[in-house]
């Protein structure tokens, strides 16, 4: 549960700064510390890490589209960023609740980079 919620805390602390780096530092630290001693915690931390890397990549791509179109693209990308952020928030809360109940949660749109 903490692996999922640490992504929210990281996002709040950094306010999304640095392309969402703060959003995947918490799950990364938990995964590195607990992956061998607590398999369920390691699995959920890895899942949270993969999801937050995916969200950070999407946000970075949307930001770059806005920049490369000399700001005009932000008319489209800012609403999309808000939607992606809201959807991520909902999925993270669902994942934290499921993990608290002891159920392994799989994010539906995560690119599984960390195996």
Protein backbone atom coordinates (compact mmCIF):
# COMPACT_ATOMS: atom_id res chain seq x y z
CA UNK A 1 0.00 0.00 0.00
CA UNK A 2 2.81 2.41 0.87
CA UNK A 3 4.49 1.82 -2.48
CA UNK A 4 1.37 3.04 -4.26
CA UNK A 5 0.75 5.95 -1.90
CA UNK A 6 4.40 7.04 -1.92
CA UNK A 7 3.92 7.99 -5.56
CA UNK A 8 1.20 10.43 -4.52
CA UNK A 9 3.39 11.80 -1.75
CA UNK A 10 6.30 12.22 -4.15
CA UNK A 11 4.06 14.06 -6.59
CA UNK A 12 2.81 16.38 -3.85
CA UNK A 13 6.26 17.10 -2.45
CA UNK A 14 7.81 17.85 -5.84
CA UNK A 15 4.61 19.27 -7.33
CA UNK A 16 5.26 17.20 -10.45
CA UNK A 17 8.66 18.87 -10.84
CA UNK A 18 11.33 17.25 -13.03
CA UNK A 19 8.95 15.30 -15.21
CA UNK A 20 7.44 13.33 -12.37
CA UNK A 21 10.72 12.00 -10.95
CA UNK A 22 9.33 12.41 -7.44
CA UNK A 23 6.43 10.14 -8.34
CA UNK A 24 8.54 7.05 -8.84
CA UNK A 25 11.26 7.53 -6.24
CA UNK A 26 9.09 6.15 -3.41
CA UNK A 27 8.09 2.96 -5.23
CA UNK A 28 11.71 2.54 -6.40
CA UNK A 29 13.10 2.74 -2.86
CA UNK A 30 10.47 0.34 -1.50
CA UNK A 31 11.04 -2.10 -4.36
CA UNK A 32 14.82 -2.06 -3.88
CA UNK A 33 14.51 -2.57 -0.13
CA UNK A 34 11.74 -5.18 0.03
CA UNK A 35 11.82 -7.13 -3.24
CA UNK A 36 13.68 -10.11 -1.78
CA UNK A 37 12.37 -10.21 1.77
CA UNK A 38 8.67 -9.52 1.10
CA UNK A 39 7.54 -10.84 -2.31
CA UNK A 40 4.06 -9.26 -2.24
CA UNK A 41 5.43 -5.84 -1.28
CA UNK A 42 8.14 -6.16 -3.92
CA UNK A 43 5.57 -7.08 -6.56
CA UNK A 44 3.30 -4.16 -5.74
CA UNK A 45 6.21 -1.72 -5.52
CA UNK A 46 7.40 -2.90 -8.94
CA UNK A 47 3.89 -2.45 -10.32
CA UNK A 48 3.66 1.07 -8.85
CA UNK A 49 7.12 1.87 -10.22
CA UNK A 50 6.22 0.72 -13.73
CA UNK A 51 2.95 2.66 -13.69
CA UNK A 52 4.55 5.87 -12.47
CA UNK A 53 7.36 5.62 -15.01
CA UNK A 54 4.66 5.25 -17.69
CA UNK A 55 2.75 8.28 -16.41
CA UNK A 56 5.96 10.35 -16.20
CA UNK A 57 6.83 9.40 -19.79
CA UNK A 58 3.36 10.39 -21.02
CA UNK A 59 3.57 13.73 -19.21
CA UNK A 60 7.05 14.37 -20.61
CA UNK A 61 5.88 13.62 -24.15
CA UNK A 62 2.89 15.92 -23.76
CA UNK A 63 5.12 18.67 -22.36
CA UNK A 64 7.57 18.32 -25.23
CA UNK A 65 4.73 18.53 -27.77
CA UNK A 66 3.70 21.79 -26.14
CA UNK A 67 7.25 23.14 -26.26
CA UNK A 68 8.00 22.07 -29.82
CA UNK A 69 4.82 23.72 -31.10
CA UNK A 70 5.99 27.02 -29.59
CA UNK A 71 3.34 26.92 -26.89
CA UNK A 72 0.35 26.50 -29.18
CA UNK A 73 0.27 22.77 -28.47
CA UNK A 74 -0.36 23.49 -24.79
CA UNK A 75 -3.95 24.31 -25.71
CA UNK A 76 -4.33 20.58 -26.34
CA UNK A 77 -1.71 19.06 -24.07
CA UNK A 78 -2.59 20.86 -20.82
CA UNK A 79 -6.12 19.42 -20.71
CA UNK A 80 -4.68 16.02 -21.64
CA UNK A 81 -2.13 16.33 -18.83
CA UNK A 82 -4.93 17.09 -16.38
CA UNK A 83 -6.89 14.06 -17.56
CA UNK A 84 -3.85 11.77 -17.33
CA UNK A 85 -3.13 13.09 -13.83
CA UNK A 86 -6.70 12.52 -12.68
CA UNK A 87 -6.80 9.00 -14.14
CA UNK A 88 -3.45 8.22 -12.50
CA UNK A 89 -4.77 9.48 -9.16
CA UNK A 90 -7.82 7.21 -9.40
CA UNK A 91 -5.74 4.16 -10.36
CA UNK A 92 -3.24 4.79 -7.56
CA UNK A 93 -6.01 5.04 -4.96
CA UNK A 94 -7.63 1.83 -6.25
CA UNK A 95 -4.24 0.08 -6.19
CA UNK A 96 -3.55 1.21 -2.61
CA UNK A 97 -6.94 -0.06 -1.43
CA UNK A 98 -6.47 -3.41 -3.18
CA UNK A 99 -2.92 -3.80 -1.83
CA UNK A 100 -4.16 -3.00 1.67
CA UNK A 101 -6.67 -5.84 1.29
CA UNK A 102 -3.85 -8.18 0.24
CA UNK A 103 -4.93 -8.37 -3.41
CA UNK A 104 -2.29 -7.95 -6.10
CA UNK A 105 -3.28 -5.06 -8.35
CA UNK A 106 -2.21 -4.65 -11.96
CA UNK A 107 -2.45 -1.20 -13.48
CA UNK A 108 -4.27 -1.45 -16.82
CA UNK A 109 -2.07 0.95 -18.81
CA UNK A 110 1.39 0.39 -17.37
CA UNK A 111 4.35 -0.41 -19.56
CA UNK A 112 6.24 -3.04 -17.63
CA UNK A 113 9.83 -1.83 -17.92
CA UNK A 114 11.05 -3.20 -14.58
CA UNK A 115 10.78 -6.98 -14.58
